[in-house]
Amino acid sequence: MAGFSVAIPSPLRSYTRGAANVRVTVASATPKLADVLAALDTAYPGIRFRMVDETGRVRPHIQIFVNTKVERNPAASLPRDASIMIVGALSGG
């Protein structure tokens, strides 16, 4: 089992009852980003769909950082105890 700290952006905190940082555990010996997103959705129903579309791809306006690297592939393997930060794109003029 591996534990992951996940930073949640303001627009998604309504799913986490206002929490800016949450911790999820993944039972896989070789955890993947998709496992973390599934664990988030188990703990906070509906949050995954805001980050991943119907085909399983990370939505274009979402950036997911694993430690300091942007990761867009849900099948990517994660280092144990990685810090994950979810960022929603901002736009304006």
Protein backbone atom coordinates (compact mmCIF):
# COMPACT_ATOMS: atom_id res chain seq x y z
CA MET A 1 0.00 0.00 0.00
CA ALA A 2 1.14 3.50 -0.78
CA GLY A 3 -0.08 6.81 0.61
CA PHE A 4 -0.26 10.02 -1.38
CA SER A 5 -0.72 13.62 -0.35
CA VAL A 6 -2.95 15.46 -2.83
CA ALA A 7 -3.30 19.26 -3.02
CA ILE A 8 -6.81 20.19 -4.14
CA PRO A 9 -7.46 23.44 -6.05
CA SER A 10 -10.10 25.87 -4.77
CA PRO A 11 -12.72 25.04 -7.44
CA LEU A 12 -12.75 21.37 -6.38
CA ARG A 13 -12.77 21.84 -2.62
CA SER A 14 -16.54 21.61 -2.46
CA TYR A 15 -15.99 17.88 -3.09
CA THR A 16 -13.47 17.58 -0.23
CA ARG A 17 -15.60 19.44 2.30
CA GLY A 18 -13.26 22.42 2.00
CA ALA A 19 -9.99 20.53 2.51
CA ALA A 20 -7.06 21.97 0.57
CA ASN A 21 -4.91 18.88 1.14
CA VAL A 22 -6.07 15.29 1.45
CA ARG A 23 -4.32 11.97 1.83
CA VAL A 24 -5.35 8.85 -0.07
CA THR A 25 -4.09 5.29 0.09
CA VAL A 26 -3.69 3.01 -2.90
CA ALA A 27 -3.49 -0.76 -2.41
CA SER A 28 -1.50 -1.45 -5.61
CA ALA A 29 2.13 -2.51 -5.35
CA THR A 30 2.81 -0.42 -8.46
CA PRO A 31 0.53 2.60 -8.02
CA LYS A 32 -0.55 4.58 -11.05
CA LEU A 33 -2.01 8.07 -11.33
CA ALA A 34 -5.37 6.48 -12.24
CA ASP A 35 -5.30 4.60 -8.90
CA VAL A 36 -4.88 7.85 -6.99
CA LEU A 37 -7.71 9.49 -8.93
CA ALA A 38 -9.94 6.48 -8.24
CA ALA A 39 -9.06 6.60 -4.54
CA LEU A 40 -9.92 10.31 -4.51
CA ASP A 41 -13.28 9.54 -6.10
CA THR A 42 -13.99 6.82 -3.54
CA ALA A 43 -13.30 9.24 -0.70
CA TYR A 44 -14.90 12.24 -2.43
CA PRO A 45 -17.53 11.05 -4.93
CA GLY A 46 -17.72 13.04 -8.16
CA ILE A 47 -14.30 14.67 -7.98
CA ARG A 48 -12.65 12.39 -10.56
CA PHE A 49 -15.09 13.38 -13.31
CA ARG A 50 -14.04 17.02 -12.87
CA MET A 51 -10.44 16.03 -13.70
CA VAL A 52 -10.82 13.11 -16.12
CA ASP A 53 -13.20 12.83 -19.07
CA GLU A 54 -15.35 9.89 -20.19
CA THR A 55 -12.45 8.38 -22.16
CA GLY A 56 -10.12 8.41 -19.14
CA ARG A 57 -8.01 11.36 -20.30
CA VAL A 58 -7.02 14.22 -18.04
CA ARG A 59 -9.17 17.19 -19.01
CA PRO A 60 -7.34 19.94 -20.98
CA HIS A 61 -7.85 22.59 -18.29
CA ILE A 62 -6.36 20.40 -15.54
CA GLN A 63 -2.66 20.04 -14.77
CA ILE A 64 -1.54 17.31 -12.40
CA PHE A 65 1.91 17.61 -10.87
CA VAL A 66 3.60 14.52 -9.45
CA ASN A 67 6.25 15.98 -7.19
CA THR A 68 7.46 18.72 -9.59
CA LYS A 69 6.71 17.06 -12.97
CA VAL A 70 3.50 17.56 -14.96
CA GLU A 71 1.84 14.21 -15.57
CA ARG A 72 -1.09 13.85 -17.98
CA ASN A 73 -1.02 10.08 -18.43
CA PRO A 74 -3.37 8.27 -16.00
CA ALA A 75 -1.39 5.04 -16.62
CA ALA A 76 1.85 6.63 -15.36
CA SER A 77 3.52 4.84 -12.47
CA LEU A 78 4.02 6.90 -9.35
CA PRO A 79 6.86 6.87 -6.87
CA ARG A 80 5.71 5.81 -3.43
CA ASP A 81 4.69 8.70 -1.19
CA ALA A 82 4.73 11.16 -4.10
CA SER A 83 3.12 14.54 -3.55
CA ILE A 84 0.42 15.31 -6.06
CA MET A 85 -0.89 18.77 -6.85
CA ILE A 86 -3.95 19.33 -9.00
CA VAL A 87 -4.15 22.71 -10.71
CA GLY A 88 -7.06 24.12 -12.69
CA ALA A 89 -6.23 26.46 -15.54
CA LEU A 90 -7.19 30.10 -15.19
CA SER A 91 -8.18 32.33 -18.03
CA GLY A 92 -9.15 35.91 -18.38
CA GLY A 93 -8.43 39.05 -20.22
